[in-house]
Amino acid sequence: MKNLLFVVFTLFLVINISAQKKADVTFEVGAVCGMCETRIEQAYDVKGIVIADYDLESHKLHVVYKTKHFPDILDVHRLAVNVGHDTDLIKASEEVYAKLHGCCKYRDESETHKCSGDHE
C-alpha cells in the first residue's frame, strides 16, 4: 500500500511539474542607454518571468517565461511597452514614451545622446 501511495504521489508531482511549461524568446526592444536597459529589465521582474536579459548593443531582449502566466506572446511584449520601449511587435503609446528621460528617446536619433549617469 505504501508503494502504491508513493507511486501515485510521484506521478502527481511529475504531471504537475511538466504542466508548468516555459517559453524562451528573443525579440527587439528600442533603447539607447544603460538607464533604458535597467528600466527594461526591471519591467520583467514580475511573477512568471524566469529570466530577462537585455543586450543594449544588439537591442535584443532574451526572456524565459512561464506560459501559464503569459499565455499570449503579446503579454510579454507589453511589459516593455508599458515602460515606454517599443518592441518589434508593439509600439509604446506617445504618452508613456513622452515620460522617458531625454537621453532615453530612441525613436528620433537627433533627440538621443549618451546619458552621463542615472537620471531616474
C-alpha atoms as a PDB file:
ATOM      1  CA  MET A   1       0.000   0.000   0.000  1.00  0.00           C
ATOM      2  CA  LYS A   2       2.837   2.405   0.851  1.00  0.00           C
ATOM      3  CA  ASN A   3       4.481   1.720  -2.516  1.00  0.00           C
ATOM      4  CA  LEU A   4       1.245   2.403  -4.373  1.00  0.00           C
ATOM      5  CA  LEU A   5       0.755   5.658  -2.499  1.00  0.00           C
ATOM      6  CA  PHE A   6       4.355   6.662  -3.253  1.00  0.00           C
ATOM      7  CA  VAL A   7       3.906   5.905  -6.976  1.00  0.00           C
ATOM      8  CA  VAL A   8       0.663   7.899  -7.168  1.00  0.00           C
ATOM      9  CA  PHE A   9       2.230  10.857  -5.350  1.00  0.00           C
ATOM     10  CA  THR A  10       5.322  10.766  -7.587  1.00  0.00           C
ATOM     11  CA  LEU A  11       3.178  10.599 -10.709  1.00  0.00           C
ATOM     12  CA  PHE A  12       1.145  13.577  -9.484  1.00  0.00           C
ATOM     13  CA  LEU A  13       4.335  15.615  -8.946  1.00  0.00           C
ATOM     14  CA  VAL A  14       5.728  14.764 -12.378  1.00  0.00           C
ATOM     15  CA  ILE A  15       2.483  15.740 -14.104  1.00  0.00           C
ATOM     16  CA  ASN A  16       2.220  18.960 -12.120  1.00  0.00           C
ATOM     17  CA  ILE A  17       5.820  19.994 -12.809  1.00  0.00           C
ATOM     18  CA  SER A  18       5.599  19.219 -16.525  1.00  0.00           C
ATOM     19  CA  ALA A  19       2.399  21.283 -16.778  1.00  0.00           C
ATOM     20  CA  GLN A  20       4.422  24.405 -15.949  1.00  0.00           C
ATOM     21  CA  LYS A  21       5.703  24.987 -19.457  1.00  0.00           C
ATOM     22  CA  LYS A  22       8.268  27.631 -20.197  1.00  0.00           C
ATOM     23  CA  ALA A  23       8.871  29.544 -23.389  1.00  0.00           C
ATOM     24  CA  ASP A  24      12.181  31.022 -24.486  1.00  0.00           C
ATOM     25  CA  VAL A  25      12.028  34.063 -26.789  1.00  0.00           C
ATOM     26  CA  THR A  26      14.298  36.831 -28.017  1.00  0.00           C
ATOM     27  CA  PHE A  27      12.951  39.999 -29.593  1.00  0.00           C
ATOM     28  CA  GLU A  28      13.957  43.551 -30.400  1.00  0.00           C
ATOM     29  CA  VAL A  29      13.318  46.390 -27.941  1.00  0.00           C
ATOM     30  CA  GLY A  30      14.173  50.037 -28.612  1.00  0.00           C
ATOM     31  CA  ALA A  31      16.629  51.631 -26.176  1.00  0.00           C
ATOM     32  CA  VAL A  32      19.771  53.776 -26.177  1.00  0.00           C
ATOM     33  CA  CYS A  33      21.448  53.792 -22.763  1.00  0.00           C
ATOM     34  CA  GLY A  34      22.141  51.931 -19.568  1.00  0.00           C
ATOM     35  CA  MET A  35      19.216  53.600 -17.867  1.00  0.00           C
ATOM     36  CA  CYS A  36      16.945  52.148 -20.574  1.00  0.00           C
ATOM     37  CA  GLU A  37      18.497  48.709 -20.062  1.00  0.00           C
ATOM     38  CA  THR A  38      17.823  48.874 -16.323  1.00  0.00           C
ATOM     39  CA  ARG A  39      14.235  50.058 -16.851  1.00  0.00           C
ATOM     40  CA  ILE A  40      13.509  47.258 -19.331  1.00  0.00           C
ATOM     41  CA  GLU A  41      14.982  44.525 -17.137  1.00  0.00           C
ATOM     42  CA  GLN A  42      13.118  45.847 -14.071  1.00  0.00           C
ATOM     43  CA  ALA A  43       9.840  45.729 -16.019  1.00  0.00           C
ATOM     44  CA  TYR A  44      10.377  41.976 -16.365  1.00  0.00           C
ATOM     45  CA  ASP A  45      10.894  41.430 -12.652  1.00  0.00           C
ATOM     46  CA  VAL A  46       7.391  40.006 -12.238  1.00  0.00           C
ATOM     47  CA  LYS A  47       5.821  36.674 -11.389  1.00  0.00           C
ATOM     48  CA  GLY A  48       6.015  34.285 -14.324  1.00  0.00           C
ATOM     49  CA  ILE A  49       9.243  35.685 -15.765  1.00  0.00           C
ATOM     50  CA  VAL A  50      12.125  33.294 -15.178  1.00  0.00           C
ATOM     51  CA  ILE A  51      14.899  35.227 -16.961  1.00  0.00           C
ATOM     52  CA  ALA A  52      15.032  38.622 -18.664  1.00  0.00           C
ATOM     53  CA  ASP A  53      18.316  39.887 -20.071  1.00  0.00           C
ATOM     54  CA  TYR A  54      18.588  42.933 -22.339  1.00  0.00           C
ATOM     55  CA  ASP A  55      21.602  43.424 -24.621  1.00  0.00           C
ATOM     56  CA  LEU A  56      21.965  47.142 -25.325  1.00  0.00           C
ATOM     57  CA  GLU A  57      24.340  46.642 -28.276  1.00  0.00           C
ATOM     58  CA  SER A  58      22.042  44.335 -30.228  1.00  0.00           C
ATOM     59  CA  HIS A  59      18.782  45.818 -28.857  1.00  0.00           C
ATOM     60  CA  LYS A  60      17.639  42.260 -28.129  1.00  0.00           C
ATOM     61  CA  LEU A  61      15.776  41.097 -25.059  1.00  0.00           C
ATOM     62  CA  HIS A  62      16.010  37.429 -24.113  1.00  0.00           C
ATOM     63  CA  VAL A  63      13.101  36.254 -21.959  1.00  0.00           C
ATOM     64  CA  VAL A  64      12.236  32.891 -20.464  1.00  0.00           C
ATOM     65  CA  TYR A  65       8.716  32.899 -19.087  1.00  0.00           C
ATOM     66  CA  LYS A  66       6.005  30.591 -17.820  1.00  0.00           C
ATOM     67  CA  THR A  67       3.225  30.242 -20.360  1.00  0.00           C
ATOM     68  CA  LYS A  68       0.711  29.806 -17.541  1.00  0.00           C
ATOM     69  CA  HIS A  69       1.279  33.464 -16.575  1.00  0.00           C
ATOM     70  CA  PHE A  70       1.773  34.752 -20.121  1.00  0.00           C
ATOM     71  CA  PRO A  71      -0.350  32.671 -22.498  1.00  0.00           C
ATOM     72  CA  ASP A  72      -0.013  35.254 -25.305  1.00  0.00           C
ATOM     73  CA  ILE A  73       3.420  36.441 -26.501  1.00  0.00           C
ATOM     74  CA  LEU A  74       1.995  39.955 -26.776  1.00  0.00           C
ATOM     75  CA  ASP A  75       1.626  39.972 -22.980  1.00  0.00           C
ATOM     76  CA  VAL A  76       5.396  39.521 -22.735  1.00  0.00           C
ATOM     77  CA  HIS A  77       5.986  42.399 -25.177  1.00  0.00           C
ATOM     78  CA  ARG A  78       3.583  44.652 -23.247  1.00  0.00           C
ATOM     79  CA  LEU A  79       5.880  44.633 -20.222  1.00  0.00           C
ATOM     80  CA  ALA A  80       8.464  46.647 -22.205  1.00  0.00           C
ATOM     81  CA  VAL A  81       5.850  48.783 -23.935  1.00  0.00           C
ATOM     82  CA  ASN A  82       4.277  49.737 -20.603  1.00  0.00           C
ATOM     83  CA  VAL A  83       7.552  51.397 -19.544  1.00  0.00           C
ATOM     84  CA  GLY A  84       7.982  53.268 -22.843  1.00  0.00           C
ATOM     85  CA  HIS A  85      10.020  50.918 -25.032  1.00  0.00           C
ATOM     86  CA  ASP A  86       8.831  49.752 -28.460  1.00  0.00           C
ATOM     87  CA  THR A  87       9.218  46.099 -29.379  1.00  0.00           C
ATOM     88  CA  ASP A  88       9.246  44.545 -32.812  1.00  0.00           C
ATOM     89  CA  LEU A  89       5.533  43.717 -32.355  1.00  0.00           C
ATOM     90  CA  ILE A  90       4.086  46.615 -30.336  1.00  0.00           C
ATOM     91  CA  LYS A  91       4.776  50.340 -30.159  1.00  0.00           C
ATOM     92  CA  ALA A  92       4.615  52.205 -26.836  1.00  0.00           C
ATOM     93  CA  SER A  93       1.976  54.912 -26.566  1.00  0.00           C
ATOM     94  CA  GLU A  94       3.089  58.502 -27.127  1.00  0.00           C
ATOM     95  CA  GLU A  95       2.010  59.322 -23.574  1.00  0.00           C
ATOM     96  CA  VAL A  96       4.248  56.670 -21.989  1.00  0.00           C
ATOM     97  CA  TYR A  97       7.143  57.380 -24.392  1.00  0.00           C
ATOM     98  CA  ALA A  98       7.000  61.104 -23.548  1.00  0.00           C
ATOM     99  CA  LYS A  99       7.679  60.286 -19.880  1.00  0.00           C
ATOM    100  CA  LEU A 100      11.106  58.808 -20.694  1.00  0.00           C
ATOM    101  CA  HIS A 101      14.148  60.871 -19.738  1.00  0.00           C
ATOM    102  CA  GLY A 102      15.529  62.959 -22.615  1.00  0.00           C
ATOM    103  CA  CYS A 103      18.560  60.733 -23.171  1.00  0.00           C
ATOM    104  CA  CYS A 104      16.277  57.698 -23.466  1.00  0.00           C
ATOM    105  CA  LYS A 105      14.373  58.999 -26.515  1.00  0.00           C
ATOM    106  CA  TYR A 106      15.324  56.324 -29.029  1.00  0.00           C
ATOM    107  CA  ARG A 107      12.795  56.972 -31.798  1.00  0.00           C
ATOM    108  CA  ASP A 108      14.452  60.082 -33.238  1.00  0.00           C
ATOM    109  CA  GLU A 109      18.236  59.882 -33.409  1.00  0.00           C
ATOM    110  CA  SER A 110      18.511  63.678 -33.341  1.00  0.00           C
ATOM    111  CA  GLU A 111      16.977  63.627 -29.833  1.00  0.00           C
ATOM    112  CA  THR A 112      19.272  60.986 -28.363  1.00  0.00           C
ATOM    113  CA  HIS A 113      22.589  61.435 -26.656  1.00  0.00           C
ATOM    114  CA  LYS A 114      24.650  59.441 -24.219  1.00  0.00           C
ATOM    115  CA  CYS A 115      23.480  59.602 -20.651  1.00  0.00           C
ATOM    116  CA  SER A 116      26.060  60.853 -18.207  1.00  0.00           C
ATOM    117  CA  GLY A 117      24.501  58.857 -15.392  1.00  0.00           C
ATOM    118  CA  ASP A 118      21.261  57.577 -13.949  1.00  0.00           C
ATOM    119  CA  HIS A 119      18.578  60.254 -14.015  1.00  0.00           C
ATOM    120  CA  GLU A 120      15.681  58.336 -12.510  1.00  0.00           C
END
